[in-house]
Amino acid sequence: MTGGTITQQAGGTTARPSVTPSCAAKELGLKRGEFDLAVMLGRIRTVGEAPGAQRRITREEIDRVRGDKSCLDALRKGVRVVGTTEGAELMHITTARFTRLARTGFLTPVKFYLNRYRTVVWLYLAEELEHFAASELNAALLKGRLPKTMRGRLEEGQDLRARNWRGRHTGFLLRQSEDPWERVAVMASLLDPVQIAEVVRDPYERAYINRLKPTPRSGQGAPGTPESPGASIVERLTTADDPDEIRWLRSSLLIGLVQARAQRPAPRPSRSAPRADHESSSHATEWTAPGDTAAVEESRGFMKWLRRRKP
């Protein structure tokens, strides 16, 4: 079976056949974006094999979802996403009001992408929008004049769409992360390098965290090279910029580090074998870190640059 493997259960007593997300999506008749969203929402369960490794889907889980047509139909309905225009139509409001509700945090995006003009397009779960519009508690927000406090925040330029998306996405990543170092990497993925360097002082820990950082998939990942304009926009959206959000992430990162270190240390360099020639004999105790050497050296260089910046 293509993409198949045997996933070992905790304790090493039970083995289950599993497949990659791409294979599972194909077998279920779902587009990859639909499948990823179903996983994010907890409607399809995945299993982890090793820290940093791609999560997989067991044959048992595929059979569970595929075995009930009504379940599969409900899943497809539950992962349907819409943009601002279609979302406003679903809620029977104008696009302007829809945008105001989203900017003030009443509607939370579930994903985003950049269009051909590098404009950010936010997407929302259609099912959530329908439930919001159907609730009598939200009737005052859908018609008539918006509350004064809400208008004031909009006039000040408030836009919580990116922050709310980050919060939602972080929750998903943490639910998927069973390893303490993976959870640390999730927190670090939302902070800029300066913030990370201030919290994680050990260069080998930073190298390990960088290796475990989650990689955004198509639909909300940076297009092109890291230096491209599109990548810069995505980096801005996926990096915390609100003071309260940054404080929470730094605190969570510190707590996560304590928990991760208590379970096991980050991989350390191994001592290299001494060379035969006399010239290199003085370097027989040189330390090397297979696979992480470049990241460690980069981290050391960054810290030197950081110290030079300080008055």
Protein backbone atom coordinates (compact mmCIF):
# COMPACT_ATOMS: atom_id res chain seq x y z
CA MET A 1 0.00 0.00 0.00
CA THR A 2 1.44 3.36 -1.06
CA GLY A 3 2.40 5.57 1.86
CA GLY A 4 1.63 2.76 4.30
CA THR A 5 3.61 1.85 7.38
CA ILE A 6 3.14 0.24 10.77
CA THR A 7 2.67 2.67 13.64
CA GLN A 8 3.86 1.38 17.01
CA GLN A 9 1.56 2.09 19.92
CA ALA A 10 2.79 3.34 23.29
CA GLY A 11 4.24 0.45 25.26
CA GLY A 12 5.27 -1.41 22.09
CA THR A 13 2.53 -4.05 22.34
CA THR A 14 0.14 -3.13 19.52
CA ALA A 15 0.86 -2.15 15.93
CA ARG A 16 -1.52 -0.46 13.54
CA PRO A 17 -1.19 0.11 9.80
CA SER A 18 -1.17 3.82 8.98
CA VAL A 19 -0.93 6.03 5.89
CA THR A 20 0.21 9.56 5.08
CA PRO A 21 -2.28 12.46 5.06
CA SER A 22 -2.15 12.61 1.26
CA CYS A 23 -3.11 8.95 0.93
CA ALA A 24 -5.83 9.27 3.56
CA ALA A 25 -7.35 12.33 1.84
CA LYS A 26 -7.43 10.46 -1.48
CA GLU A 27 -9.08 7.40 0.03
CA LEU A 28 -11.75 9.55 1.70
CA GLY A 29 -12.42 11.54 -1.47
CA LEU A 30 -11.41 14.83 0.17
CA LYS A 31 -9.29 17.64 -1.17
CA ARG A 32 -6.08 18.05 0.79
CA GLY A 33 -7.24 21.40 2.18
CA GLU A 34 -10.50 19.83 3.35
CA PHE A 35 -8.63 16.95 4.93
CA ASP A 36 -6.17 19.22 6.78
CA LEU A 37 -9.04 21.31 8.10
CA ALA A 38 -10.89 18.19 9.28
CA VAL A 39 -7.77 17.16 11.20
CA MET A 40 -7.44 20.65 12.65
CA LEU A 41 -11.03 20.56 13.87
CA GLY A 42 -10.56 17.14 15.45
CA ARG A 43 -12.91 15.37 13.04
CA ILE A 44 -10.16 13.07 11.79
CA ARG A 45 -7.70 11.70 14.32
CA THR A 46 -4.00 11.34 13.60
CA VAL A 47 -1.13 9.56 15.35
CA GLY A 48 2.46 10.67 15.90
CA GLU A 49 5.45 8.41 15.43
CA ALA A 50 8.36 10.61 16.55
CA PRO A 51 8.96 14.26 17.52
CA GLY A 52 9.00 16.38 14.37
CA ALA A 53 7.80 13.55 12.12
CA GLN A 54 4.72 13.86 9.93
CA ARG A 55 1.60 12.63 11.69
CA ARG A 56 -0.23 9.74 10.07
CA ILE A 57 -3.74 8.27 9.93
CA THR A 58 -4.53 4.73 10.96
CA ARG A 59 -6.50 2.36 8.77
CA GLU A 60 -9.00 2.07 11.60
CA GLU A 61 -9.64 5.84 11.49
CA ILE A 62 -10.09 5.85 7.71
CA ASP A 63 -12.58 3.01 7.96
CA ARG A 64 -14.46 4.85 10.73
CA VAL A 65 -14.92 8.00 8.66
CA ARG A 66 -15.59 6.25 5.36
CA GLY A 67 -17.90 3.62 6.85
CA ASP A 68 -20.74 6.06 7.54
CA LYS A 69 -21.86 8.13 4.52
CA SER A 70 -23.82 10.55 6.71
CA CYS A 71 -20.67 11.06 8.80
CA LEU A 72 -18.61 11.80 5.69
CA ASP A 73 -21.27 14.20 4.36
CA ALA A 74 -21.37 16.00 7.71
CA LEU A 75 -17.58 16.20 7.69
CA ARG A 76 -17.56 17.83 4.23
CA LYS A 77 -20.18 20.32 5.38
CA GLY A 78 -18.24 21.06 8.54
CA VAL A 79 -15.03 21.95 6.70
CA ARG A 80 -16.61 24.19 4.09
CA VAL A 81 -14.93 27.60 4.12
CA VAL A 82 -16.08 30.90 2.64
CA GLY A 83 -14.60 34.34 2.13
CA THR A 84 -16.03 37.71 3.11
CA THR A 85 -18.53 38.05 0.25
CA GLU A 86 -20.02 34.57 0.53
CA GLY A 87 -19.90 34.75 4.31
CA ALA A 88 -21.89 37.98 4.31
CA GLU A 89 -24.49 36.38 2.04
CA LEU A 90 -24.82 33.41 4.41
CA MET A 91 -25.42 35.78 7.32
CA HIS A 92 -27.69 38.13 5.30
CA ILE A 93 -25.55 41.17 6.08
CA THR A 94 -23.39 43.52 4.04
CA THR A 95 -19.74 42.76 3.39
CA ALA A 96 -18.84 45.95 5.26
CA ARG A 97 -20.61 44.76 8.42
CA PHE A 98 -19.10 41.31 8.04
CA THR A 99 -15.62 42.84 7.92
CA ARG A 100 -16.34 44.97 10.99
CA LEU A 101 -17.48 41.91 12.94
CA ALA A 102 -14.32 40.06 11.93
CA ARG A 103 -12.00 42.96 12.73
CA THR A 104 -13.45 43.30 16.23
CA GLY A 105 -13.10 39.59 16.95
CA PHE A 106 -16.69 38.36 16.71
CA LEU A 107 -15.84 36.19 13.70
CA THR A 108 -12.60 34.18 13.74
CA PRO A 109 -10.86 33.10 10.52
CA VAL A 110 -9.90 29.46 10.19
CA LYS A 111 -7.28 29.93 7.45
CA PHE A 112 -5.95 32.46 4.94
CA TYR A 113 -4.09 32.72 1.66
CA LEU A 114 -2.53 35.40 -0.53
CA ASN A 115 -4.18 36.07 -3.88
CA ARG A 116 -2.33 36.99 -7.06
CA TYR A 117 -2.13 40.62 -5.89
CA ARG A 118 -0.59 39.57 -2.54
CA THR A 119 -3.76 40.58 -0.74
CA VAL A 120 -4.62 38.55 2.36
CA VAL A 121 -7.86 36.60 1.90
CA TRP A 122 -9.34 35.40 5.19
CA LEU A 123 -11.54 32.29 5.16
CA TYR A 124 -14.20 31.32 7.69
CA LEU A 125 -16.09 28.14 8.49
CA ALA A 126 -19.51 28.40 6.84
CA GLU A 127 -21.08 26.33 9.62
CA GLU A 128 -19.81 28.73 12.31
CA LEU A 129 -21.16 31.76 10.45
CA GLU A 130 -24.59 30.14 10.11
CA HIS A 131 -24.68 29.36 13.84
CA PHE A 132 -23.61 32.91 14.70
CA ALA A 133 -26.35 34.41 12.53
CA ALA A 134 -28.99 32.03 13.93
CA SER A 135 -28.34 32.96 17.56
CA GLU A 136 -30.68 35.54 19.04
CA LEU A 137 -27.82 36.76 21.21
CA ASN A 138 -26.15 38.19 18.10
CA ALA A 139 -29.22 39.82 16.56
CA ALA A 140 -28.16 43.34 17.59
CA LEU A 141 -24.82 42.91 15.84
CA LEU A 142 -26.38 41.92 12.51
CA LYS A 143 -28.60 44.93 11.95
CA GLY A 144 -28.94 48.46 13.17
CA ARG A 145 -26.20 50.69 14.51
CA LEU A 146 -23.19 48.96 16.01
CA PRO A 147 -22.39 49.56 19.72
CA LYS A 148 -20.42 52.75 20.43
CA THR A 149 -17.46 50.91 21.99
CA MET A 150 -17.23 48.71 18.93
CA ARG A 151 -17.28 51.71 16.59
CA GLY A 152 -14.59 53.36 18.67
CA ARG A 153 -12.25 50.37 18.39
CA LEU A 154 -12.77 50.27 14.64
CA GLU A 155 -11.96 53.97 14.35
CA GLU A 156 -8.73 53.31 16.24
CA GLY A 157 -7.81 50.73 13.61
CA GLN A 158 -8.45 47.55 15.58
CA ASP A 159 -8.09 44.38 13.53
CA LEU A 160 -8.05 41.11 15.48
CA ARG A 161 -8.26 38.77 12.50
CA ALA A 162 -4.58 37.80 12.46
CA ARG A 163 -4.31 37.50 16.24
CA ASN A 164 -7.47 35.40 16.48
CA TRP A 165 -6.28 33.15 13.67
CA ARG A 166 -2.95 32.68 15.45
CA GLY A 167 -4.74 31.76 18.66
CA ARG A 168 -6.93 29.24 16.89
CA HIS A 169 -4.04 27.74 14.95
CA THR A 170 -1.88 27.51 18.07
CA GLY A 171 -4.61 25.58 19.87
CA PHE A 172 -4.75 23.11 17.00
CA LEU A 173 -0.98 22.61 16.94
CA LEU A 174 -0.84 22.10 20.70
CA ARG A 175 -3.60 19.49 20.57
CA GLN A 176 -1.61 17.65 17.91
CA SER A 177 1.67 17.86 19.85
CA GLU A 178 2.25 15.04 22.31
CA ASP A 179 5.96 15.69 22.84
CA PRO A 180 6.97 18.53 25.25
CA TRP A 181 9.68 19.81 22.91
CA GLU A 182 7.19 19.91 20.03
CA ARG A 183 4.89 22.04 22.22
CA VAL A 184 7.79 24.39 22.96
CA ALA A 185 8.44 24.66 19.22
CA VAL A 186 4.79 25.59 18.63
CA MET A 187 5.10 28.55 21.00
CA ALA A 188 8.43 29.58 19.51
CA SER A 189 7.02 29.48 15.98
CA LEU A 190 4.87 32.53 16.77
CA LEU A 191 7.70 34.65 18.21
CA ASP A 192 10.40 36.55 16.35
CA PRO A 193 14.05 35.43 16.66
CA VAL A 194 14.91 38.15 19.17
CA GLN A 195 12.13 37.05 21.53
CA ILE A 196 13.19 33.41 21.22
CA ALA A 197 16.86 34.21 21.87
CA GLU A 198 15.96 36.14 25.03
CA VAL A 199 13.98 33.20 26.44
CA VAL A 200 15.97 30.22 25.12
CA ARG A 201 19.63 31.01 25.87
CA ASP A 202 21.09 27.61 25.02
CA PRO A 203 22.08 27.48 21.30
CA TYR A 204 21.55 23.71 21.08
CA GLU A 205 18.05 24.02 22.51
CA ARG A 206 17.28 26.75 19.97
CA ALA A 207 18.63 24.57 17.17
CA TYR A 208 16.42 21.68 18.28
CA ILE A 209 13.36 23.91 18.63
CA ASN A 210 13.93 25.36 15.16
CA ARG A 211 14.10 21.83 13.76
CA LEU A 212 10.76 20.94 15.37
CA LYS A 213 8.89 24.10 14.37
CA PRO A 214 5.67 23.31 12.49
CA THR A 215 5.77 24.09 8.78
CA PRO A 216 2.67 25.86 7.39
CA ARG A 217 0.92 23.97 4.62
CA SER A 218 -0.36 25.33 1.34
CA GLY A 219 -3.15 27.83 1.86
CA GLN A 220 -1.48 29.60 4.75
CA GLY A 221 2.21 29.15 4.07
CA ALA A 222 4.70 31.61 2.65
CA PRO A 223 4.84 31.40 -1.15
CA GLY A 224 8.17 31.63 -2.93
CA THR A 225 11.53 32.14 -1.31
CA PRO A 226 11.95 33.41 2.28
CA GLU A 227 12.95 36.81 0.86
CA SER A 228 9.90 37.16 -1.39
CA PRO A 229 7.27 39.85 -0.69
CA GLY A 230 4.62 37.18 -0.15
CA ALA A 231 6.76 35.42 2.43
CA SER A 232 7.23 38.70 4.31
CA ILE A 233 3.47 39.22 4.48
CA VAL A 234 2.87 35.70 5.78
CA GLU A 235 5.67 36.06 8.33
CA ARG A 236 4.05 39.25 9.62
CA LEU A 237 0.67 37.53 9.98
CA THR A 238 2.10 34.46 11.70
CA THR A 239 4.29 36.38 14.18
CA ALA A 240 2.78 37.73 17.40
CA ASP A 241 2.70 41.53 17.53
CA ASP A 242 0.28 42.30 20.36
CA PRO A 243 2.03 42.97 23.73
CA ASP A 244 -0.41 40.76 25.69
CA GLU A 245 -0.07 37.97 23.13
CA ILE A 246 3.74 38.17 23.25
CA ARG A 247 3.77 38.07 27.06
CA TRP A 248 1.54 35.00 27.06
CA LEU A 249 3.70 33.22 24.50
CA ARG A 250 6.93 34.02 26.35
CA SER A 251 5.46 32.78 29.63
CA SER A 252 4.16 29.62 27.95
CA LEU A 253 7.54 29.10 26.31
CA LEU A 254 9.33 29.34 29.68
CA ILE A 255 6.91 26.91 31.33
CA GLY A 256 7.17 24.56 28.37
CA LEU A 257 10.98 24.62 28.55
CA VAL A 258 10.93 23.61 32.20
CA GLN A 259 8.60 20.70 31.43
CA ALA A 260 10.57 19.60 28.35
CA ARG A 261 13.93 19.71 30.15
CA ALA A 262 12.47 17.66 32.99
CA GLN A 263 11.44 14.91 30.57
CA ARG A 264 14.62 14.86 28.50
CA PRO A 265 17.37 17.31 27.47
CA ALA A 266 17.62 18.65 23.95
CA PRO A 267 20.09 16.70 21.77
CA ARG A 268 23.66 17.68 22.59
CA PRO A 269 26.75 17.41 20.36
CA SER A 270 28.73 14.18 20.33
CA ARG A 271 32.50 14.06 20.83
CA SER A 272 34.30 13.52 17.52
CA ALA A 273 37.01 10.94 17.06
CA PRO A 274 40.60 12.32 17.36
CA ARG A 275 42.54 12.82 14.14
CA ALA A 276 45.75 10.92 13.45
CA ASP A 277 47.92 13.83 12.37
CA HIS A 278 49.89 15.76 14.96
CA GLU A 279 48.55 19.15 13.89
CA SER A 280 44.99 18.22 14.73
CA SER A 281 45.76 16.29 17.90
CA SER A 282 45.17 19.37 20.00
CA HIS A 283 41.62 19.41 18.66
CA ALA A 284 40.81 15.84 19.65
CA THR A 285 38.11 17.02 22.00
CA GLU A 286 36.37 19.15 19.39
CA TRP A 287 32.57 19.00 19.65
CA THR A 288 30.33 18.37 16.67
CA ALA A 289 26.58 18.21 16.30
CA PRO A 290 25.61 16.04 13.32
CA GLY A 291 22.65 17.56 11.50
CA ASP A 292 22.51 20.62 13.77
CA THR A 293 25.95 22.16 13.24
CA ALA A 294 24.76 24.84 10.82
CA ALA A 295 21.82 25.80 13.00
CA VAL A 296 24.02 26.04 16.09
CA GLU A 297 26.61 28.20 14.34
CA GLU A 298 23.85 30.43 13.01
CA SER A 299 22.43 30.74 16.51
CA ARG A 300 25.84 31.65 17.94
CA GLY A 301 26.31 34.29 15.27
CA PHE A 302 22.91 35.73 16.01
CA MET A 303 23.69 36.05 19.73
CA LYS A 304 26.96 37.86 18.95
CA TRP A 305 25.05 40.26 16.71
CA LEU A 306 22.44 40.75 19.43
CA ARG A 307 25.10 41.61 22.03
CA ARG A 308 26.66 44.17 19.68
CA ARG A 309 23.27 45.87 19.33
CA LYS A 310 22.88 46.39 23.06
CA PRO A 311 24.17 49.74 24.39
